């Protein structure tokens, strides 16, 4: 439901997706990079790209896999 709402431009739905995934994605990228700055940048870049291409969110079957693959 959040993906559909975000794909339609719902900023609150997108913010909820961000809040759900930000810490997990940060931990994942920090483990790989060992850099707080890089991990923060990756999280920000991933969600910026997702927002820019939000019209395609409703076609994603597994958002968890999608977001981690992007990072």
C-alpha atoms as a PDB file:
ATOM      1  CA  UNK A   1       0.000   0.000   0.000  1.00  0.00           C
ATOM      2  CA  UNK A   2       2.822   2.415   0.836  1.00  0.00           C
ATOM      3  CA  UNK A   3       4.471   1.772  -2.515  1.00  0.00           C
ATOM      4  CA  UNK A   4       1.264   2.549  -4.366  1.00  0.00           C
ATOM      5  CA  UNK A   5       0.698   5.723  -2.368  1.00  0.00           C
ATOM      6  CA  UNK A   6       4.307   6.844  -2.821  1.00  0.00           C
ATOM      7  CA  UNK A   7       4.129   6.094  -6.546  1.00  0.00           C
ATOM      8  CA  UNK A   8       1.232   8.540  -6.728  1.00  0.00           C
ATOM      9  CA  UNK A   9       3.329  11.258  -5.084  1.00  0.00           C
ATOM     10  CA  UNK A  10       2.176  10.839  -1.477  1.00  0.00           C
ATOM     11  CA  UNK A  11       5.071  12.380   0.456  1.00  0.00           C
ATOM     12  CA  UNK A  12       3.929  10.988   3.813  1.00  0.00           C
ATOM     13  CA  UNK A  13       3.874   7.433   2.422  1.00  0.00           C
ATOM     14  CA  UNK A  14       7.356   7.978   1.023  1.00  0.00           C
ATOM     15  CA  UNK A  15       8.539   9.344   4.376  1.00  0.00           C
ATOM     16  CA  UNK A  16       7.174   6.240   6.097  1.00  0.00           C
ATOM     17  CA  UNK A  17       9.061   4.009   3.650  1.00  0.00           C
ATOM     18  CA  UNK A  18      12.195   6.005   4.397  1.00  0.00           C
ATOM     19  CA  UNK A  19      11.713   5.645   8.158  1.00  0.00           C
ATOM     20  CA  UNK A  20      11.148   1.892   7.819  1.00  0.00           C
ATOM     21  CA  UNK A  21      14.264   1.248   5.715  1.00  0.00           C
ATOM     22  CA  UNK A  22      16.748   3.973   6.651  1.00  0.00           C
ATOM     23  CA  UNK A  23      18.354   2.262   9.648  1.00  0.00           C
ATOM     24  CA  UNK A  24      18.534  -1.175   8.015  1.00  0.00           C
ATOM     25  CA  UNK A  25      20.018   0.261   4.845  1.00  0.00           C
ATOM     26  CA  UNK A  26      22.450   2.424   6.805  1.00  0.00           C
ATOM     27  CA  UNK A  27      23.652  -0.595   8.824  1.00  0.00           C
ATOM     28  CA  UNK A  28      24.076  -2.633   5.654  1.00  0.00           C
ATOM     29  CA  UNK A  29      26.075   0.029   3.831  1.00  0.00           C
ATOM     30  CA  UNK A  30      28.116   0.870   6.931  1.00  0.00           C
ATOM     31  CA  UNK A  31      29.100  -2.800   7.252  1.00  0.00           C
ATOM     32  CA  UNK A  32      30.421  -2.729   3.707  1.00  0.00           C
ATOM     33  CA  UNK A  33      32.013   0.723   3.674  1.00  0.00           C
ATOM     34  CA  UNK A  34      33.051   1.142   7.326  1.00  0.00           C
ATOM     35  CA  UNK A  35      32.324   4.831   6.848  1.00  0.00           C
ATOM     36  CA  UNK A  36      29.489   6.764   8.470  1.00  0.00           C
ATOM     37  CA  UNK A  37      29.651   9.421   5.773  1.00  0.00           C
ATOM     38  CA  UNK A  38      29.512   6.946   2.897  1.00  0.00           C
ATOM     39  CA  UNK A  39      26.680   5.005   4.523  1.00  0.00           C
ATOM     40  CA  UNK A  40      24.674   8.207   5.030  1.00  0.00           C
ATOM     41  CA  UNK A  41      25.341   9.292   1.445  1.00  0.00           C
ATOM     42  CA  UNK A  42      24.265   5.943   0.045  1.00  0.00           C
ATOM     43  CA  UNK A  43      21.000   5.982   1.998  1.00  0.00           C
ATOM     44  CA  UNK A  44      20.287   9.522   0.843  1.00  0.00           C
ATOM     45  CA  UNK A  45      21.192   8.738  -2.783  1.00  0.00           C
ATOM     46  CA  UNK A  46      19.078   5.575  -2.867  1.00  0.00           C
ATOM     47  CA  UNK A  47      15.992   7.331  -1.551  1.00  0.00           C
ATOM     48  CA  UNK A  48      16.519  10.332  -3.808  1.00  0.00           C
ATOM     49  CA  UNK A  49      16.576   8.002  -6.829  1.00  0.00           C
ATOM     50  CA  UNK A  50      13.515   6.172  -5.556  1.00  0.00           C
ATOM     51  CA  UNK A  51      11.646   9.475  -5.209  1.00  0.00           C
ATOM     52  CA  UNK A  52      12.733  10.628  -8.645  1.00  0.00           C
ATOM     53  CA  UNK A  53      11.445   7.379 -10.154  1.00  0.00           C
ATOM     54  CA  UNK A  54       8.453   7.019  -7.821  1.00  0.00           C
ATOM     55  CA  UNK A  55       6.050   6.410 -10.692  1.00  0.00           C
ATOM     56  CA  UNK A  56       7.552   2.930 -11.030  1.00  0.00           C
ATOM     57  CA  UNK A  57       7.184   1.965  -7.363  1.00  0.00           C
ATOM     58  CA  UNK A  58       3.860   0.246  -7.905  1.00  0.00           C
ATOM     59  CA  UNK A  59       5.583  -2.296 -10.189  1.00  0.00           C
ATOM     60  CA  UNK A  60       8.060  -3.513  -7.541  1.00  0.00           C
ATOM     61  CA  UNK A  61       7.188  -6.894  -6.048  1.00  0.00           C
ATOM     62  CA  UNK A  62       9.874  -7.010  -3.339  1.00  0.00           C
ATOM     63  CA  UNK A  63      10.805  -3.522  -2.163  1.00  0.00           C
ATOM     64  CA  UNK A  64      13.207  -4.866   0.459  1.00  0.00           C
ATOM     65  CA  UNK A  65      15.297  -6.656  -2.171  1.00  0.00           C
ATOM     66  CA  UNK A  66      14.994  -3.661  -4.513  1.00  0.00           C
ATOM     67  CA  UNK A  67      16.269  -1.110  -1.997  1.00  0.00           C
ATOM     68  CA  UNK A  68      19.189  -3.277  -0.875  1.00  0.00           C
ATOM     69  CA  UNK A  69      20.156  -4.045  -4.456  1.00  0.00           C
ATOM     70  CA  UNK A  70      20.172  -0.323  -5.219  1.00  0.00           C
ATOM     71  CA  UNK A  71      22.551   0.343  -2.358  1.00  0.00           C
END
